[in-house]
N, C-alpha and C. Protein backbone atom coordinates (compact mmCIF):
# COMPACT_ATOMS: atom_id res chain seq x y z
N MET A 1 -0.68 16.82 7.39
CA MET A 1 -0.03 15.60 7.27
C MET A 1 -0.59 14.35 7.84
N LYS A 2 -0.78 13.27 6.91
CA LYS A 2 -1.59 12.09 7.64
C LYS A 2 -0.56 11.39 8.35
N MET A 3 -1.08 11.11 9.66
CA MET A 3 -0.10 9.81 10.41
C MET A 3 -0.54 8.47 10.25
N LEU A 4 0.34 7.68 9.79
CA LEU A 4 0.44 6.61 9.36
C LEU A 4 1.28 5.96 9.81
N CYS A 5 0.78 4.60 10.31
CA CYS A 5 1.25 3.52 11.01
C CYS A 5 2.25 2.88 10.16
N GLY A 6 3.13 2.14 10.33
CA GLY A 6 4.21 1.26 9.36
C GLY A 6 3.65 0.65 8.40
N ILE A 7 2.29 -0.38 8.70
CA ILE A 7 1.76 -1.12 7.98
C ILE A 7 1.12 -0.45 6.81
N CYS A 8 0.57 0.67 7.45
CA CYS A 8 -0.06 1.65 6.20
C CYS A 8 0.95 2.23 5.29
N LYS A 9 2.09 2.68 5.68
CA LYS A 9 3.06 3.07 4.82
C LYS A 9 3.50 1.90 4.03
N LEU A 10 3.73 0.88 4.53
CA LEU A 10 4.10 -0.26 3.55
C LEU A 10 2.85 -0.57 2.42
N VAL A 11 1.68 -0.63 3.01
CA VAL A 11 0.55 -0.86 1.80
C VAL A 11 0.54 0.23 0.74
N GLY A 12 0.74 1.76 1.28
CA GLY A 12 1.12 2.68 0.10
C GLY A 12 2.25 2.49 -0.65
N LEU A 13 3.58 2.33 -0.16
CA LEU A 13 4.81 1.90 -0.96
C LEU A 13 4.30 1.17 -1.78
N ILE A 14 3.81 -0.08 -1.48
CA ILE A 14 3.77 -1.43 -2.46
C ILE A 14 2.54 -0.91 -3.50
N THR A 15 1.72 -0.38 -3.23
CA THR A 15 0.69 0.35 -4.12
C THR A 15 1.22 0.99 -5.09
N ILE A 16 2.24 2.03 -4.81
CA ILE A 16 2.76 3.02 -5.77
C ILE A 16 3.65 2.11 -6.59
N ILE A 17 4.49 0.86 -6.01
CA ILE A 17 5.40 0.12 -6.88
C ILE A 17 4.71 -0.42 -7.96
N GLY A 18 3.19 -0.72 -7.58
CA GLY A 18 2.22 -1.59 -8.51
C GLY A 18 1.81 -0.73 -9.66
N ALA A 19 1.70 0.80 -9.18
CA ALA A 19 1.26 1.85 -10.21
C ALA A 19 2.38 2.11 -11.05
N LEU A 20 3.68 2.35 -10.72
CA LEU A 20 4.35 2.47 -11.31
C LEU A 20 4.71 1.35 -12.61
N ASN A 21 4.62 0.16 -12.02
CA ASN A 21 4.83 -0.95 -12.90
C ASN A 21 3.72 -0.79 -14.20
N TRP A 22 2.37 -0.75 -13.67
CA TRP A 22 1.44 -0.43 -14.73
C TRP A 22 1.68 0.96 -15.57
N GLY A 23 2.13 1.73 -15.23
CA GLY A 23 2.96 3.13 -16.02
C GLY A 23 3.71 2.38 -16.95
N ALA A 24 4.55 1.76 -16.70
CA ALA A 24 5.75 1.21 -17.51
C ALA A 24 5.00 0.33 -18.42
N ILE A 25 4.19 -0.33 -18.00
CA ILE A 25 3.48 -1.35 -18.97
C ILE A 25 2.81 -0.37 -19.97
N GLY A 26 1.89 0.56 -19.49
CA GLY A 26 1.42 1.32 -20.53
C GLY A 26 2.04 2.13 -21.41
N PHE A 27 3.01 2.90 -20.99
CA PHE A 27 3.54 3.84 -21.55
C PHE A 27 4.87 2.89 -22.54
N PHE A 28 5.62 2.10 -22.29
CA PHE A 28 6.68 1.66 -22.53
C PHE A 28 6.55 -0.09 -23.17
N ASN A 29 5.18 -0.57 -22.58
CA ASN A 29 5.36 -1.65 -22.99
C ASN A 29 6.21 -2.79 -22.29
N VAL A 30 6.72 -2.41 -21.06
CA VAL A 30 7.82 -3.10 -20.24
C VAL A 30 7.01 -3.58 -18.79
N ASP A 31 7.22 -5.05 -18.46
CA ASP A 31 6.63 -5.22 -17.35
C ASP A 31 7.83 -5.19 -16.43
N LEU A 32 8.26 -4.34 -15.37
CA LEU A 32 9.12 -4.53 -14.67
C LEU A 32 9.39 -5.41 -13.74
N VAL A 33 8.13 -6.08 -13.24
CA VAL A 33 8.23 -7.23 -12.48
C VAL A 33 8.41 -8.20 -12.97
N ALA A 34 7.95 -8.44 -14.36
CA ALA A 34 8.46 -9.87 -15.28
C ALA A 34 9.81 -9.75 -15.40
N LYS A 35 10.42 -8.52 -15.77
CA LYS A 35 11.90 -8.62 -16.46
C LYS A 35 12.57 -8.92 -15.05
N LEU A 36 12.32 -8.34 -14.01
CA LEU A 36 13.19 -8.54 -12.70
C LEU A 36 13.11 -10.08 -12.20
N LEU A 37 11.65 -10.46 -12.36
CA LEU A 37 11.67 -11.78 -11.25
C LEU A 37 11.08 -13.09 -12.30
N GLY A 38 11.12 -12.60 -13.51
CA GLY A 38 10.82 -14.00 -14.35
C GLY A 38 9.17 -13.84 -14.80
N PRO A 39 8.75 -13.85 -16.28
CA PRO A 39 7.23 -14.10 -16.38
C PRO A 39 6.55 -14.70 -15.68
N MET A 40 5.50 -14.57 -14.94
CA MET A 40 5.01 -15.33 -14.35
C MET A 40 5.44 -16.38 -13.43
N SER A 41 6.70 -15.80 -12.91
CA SER A 41 7.30 -16.92 -11.97
C SER A 41 6.61 -17.18 -10.82
N MET A 42 6.95 -17.59 -9.81
CA MET A 42 6.38 -17.74 -8.58
C MET A 42 6.32 -16.29 -7.67
N ALA A 43 7.73 -15.98 -7.85
CA ALA A 43 8.17 -14.73 -7.06
C ALA A 43 7.03 -13.49 -7.59
N SER A 44 7.22 -13.25 -9.10
CA SER A 44 6.24 -12.40 -9.63
C SER A 44 5.03 -12.36 -9.63
N ARG A 45 4.40 -13.65 -9.36
CA ARG A 45 3.23 -13.94 -8.97
C ARG A 45 2.70 -13.32 -7.31
N ILE A 46 3.56 -13.53 -6.78
CA ILE A 46 3.48 -13.14 -5.27
C ILE A 46 3.51 -11.59 -5.12
N VAL A 47 4.63 -10.99 -6.22
CA VAL A 47 4.28 -9.36 -6.20
C VAL A 47 3.20 -9.08 -6.62
N TYR A 48 2.49 -9.60 -7.88
CA TYR A 48 1.34 -9.38 -8.26
C TYR A 48 0.08 -9.35 -7.16
N CYS A 49 0.15 -10.49 -6.55
CA CYS A 49 -0.89 -10.87 -5.38
C CYS A 49 -0.60 -9.54 -4.39
N ALA A 50 0.31 -9.34 -4.20
CA ALA A 50 0.86 -8.35 -2.97
C ALA A 50 0.07 -7.02 -3.31
N VAL A 51 0.49 -6.46 -4.19
CA VAL A 51 0.13 -5.26 -5.14
C VAL A 51 -1.42 -5.13 -5.12
N GLY A 52 -1.94 -6.55 -5.46
CA GLY A 52 -3.60 -6.49 -5.52
C GLY A 52 -4.19 -6.20 -4.22
N ILE A 53 -3.72 -7.06 -2.95
CA ILE A 53 -4.32 -6.93 -1.80
C ILE A 53 -3.81 -5.71 -1.19
N CYS A 54 -2.80 -5.09 -1.38
CA CYS A 54 -2.62 -3.65 -0.97
C CYS A 54 -3.27 -2.41 -1.38
N GLY A 55 -3.59 -2.71 -3.12
CA GLY A 55 -4.68 -1.95 -3.62
C GLY A 55 -6.00 -1.85 -2.89
N LEU A 56 -6.44 -3.11 -2.49
CA LEU A 56 -8.03 -3.48 -1.88
C LEU A 56 -7.86 -2.60 -0.33
N LEU A 57 -6.54 -2.65 0.48
CA LEU A 57 -6.62 -2.27 1.81
C LEU A 57 -6.42 -0.67 1.54
N LEU A 58 -5.90 -0.43 0.50
CA LEU A 58 -5.53 1.30 0.23
C LEU A 58 -7.33 1.94 -0.24
N LEU A 59 -7.93 0.85 -0.72
CA LEU A 59 -9.25 1.54 -1.07
C LEU A 59 -10.10 1.39 0.39
N PHE A 60 -10.05 0.46 1.14
CA PHE A 60 -10.82 0.25 2.22
C PHE A 60 -10.38 1.50 3.19
N SER A 61 -9.14 2.13 3.11
CA SER A 61 -8.92 2.88 4.15
C SER A 61 -9.38 4.16 3.56
N TYR A 62 -9.97 4.40 2.52
CA TYR A 62 -10.78 5.53 2.11
C TYR A 62 -12.05 5.59 2.88
N PHE A 63 -12.61 4.61 3.40
CA PHE A 63 -13.81 4.48 4.13
C PHE A 63 -13.75 4.28 5.61
N LYS A 64 -12.47 3.82 6.05
CA LYS A 64 -12.46 3.36 7.33
C LYS A 64 -11.05 3.64 7.89
N VAL A 65 -10.55 4.38 8.83
CA VAL A 65 -9.07 4.76 9.26
C VAL A 65 -8.82 3.53 10.21
N CYS A 66 -7.62 3.25 9.85
CA CYS A 66 -6.76 2.20 10.46
C CYS A 66 -6.60 2.45 12.16
N SER A 67 -6.85 1.48 13.13
CA SER A 67 -7.02 2.15 14.37
C SER A 67 -5.68 2.33 14.79
N ALA A 68 -4.54 1.70 14.43
CA ALA A 68 -3.28 2.04 14.63
C ALA A 68 -3.19 3.50 14.11
N CYS A 69 -3.34 3.96 13.16
CA CYS A 69 -3.16 5.21 12.63
C CYS A 69 -3.85 6.28 13.34
N LYS A 70 -5.10 5.38 13.81
CA LYS A 70 -6.15 6.79 14.43
C LYS A 70 -5.33 6.95 15.95
N ARG A 71 -4.82 6.11 16.45
CA ARG A 71 -4.15 6.00 17.65
C ARG A 71 -2.98 6.97 17.52
N ARG A 72 -2.14 6.74 16.49
CA ARG A 72 -0.95 7.56 16.30
C ARG A 72 -1.34 9.11 16.16
N ALA A 73 -2.06 9.28 15.44
CA ALA A 73 -2.69 10.71 15.23
C ALA A 73 -2.93 11.43 16.39
N SER A 74 -3.89 10.42 17.52
CA SER A 74 -4.16 11.34 18.66
C SER A 74 -3.16 11.36 19.43
N GLU A 75 -2.35 10.67 19.56
CA GLU A 75 -1.15 10.79 20.39
C GLU A 75 -0.02 11.99 20.11
N VAL A 76 -0.06 12.34 18.58
CA VAL A 76 0.72 13.43 18.20
C VAL A 76 0.08 14.53 18.41
N CYS A 77 -1.19 14.65 18.19
CA CYS A 77 -2.05 16.00 18.39
C CYS A 77 -2.50 16.03 19.85
N GLY A 78 -2.29 15.03 20.67
CA GLY A 78 -2.73 15.38 21.81
C GLY A 78 -4.00 15.12 22.51
N VAL A 79 -4.71 14.37 21.42
CA VAL A 79 -6.12 14.38 21.86
C VAL A 79 -6.21 12.89 22.51
N ASN A 80 -7.03 12.36 23.15
CA ASN A 80 -7.10 11.37 24.00
C ASN A 80 -8.90 11.11 23.94
N HIS A 81 -8.96 9.94 22.86
CA HIS A 81 -10.50 9.63 22.50
C HIS A 81 -10.95 8.45 23.57
N GLN A 82 -9.97 8.37 24.63
CA GLN A 82 -10.99 7.44 25.77
C GLN A 82 -11.58 8.18 26.70
N HIS A 83 -12.70 7.48 26.78
CA HIS A 83 -13.85 8.12 28.09
C HIS A 83 -13.63 7.35 29.23
N SER A 84 -13.63 7.50 30.54
CA SER A 84 -13.42 7.02 31.62
C SER A 84 -15.02 6.31 32.10
């Protein structure tokens, strides 16, 4: 199991919410964000931007591990990556 920091968990959660919204649009032609917050309201635009930013962060995480997650994993596994 991947040891994630709080920020990485939040990024994953927001990305999943965005993916579910896109699934609802594709399958049912229903934009849940627009229904809840208003079509292209400031609040819905903030949600769309947050999902986009989180998607990019998630993409970057496939190439570079977050330093907080790396530190947390080493603490849980008992591995010390610091050299004297």
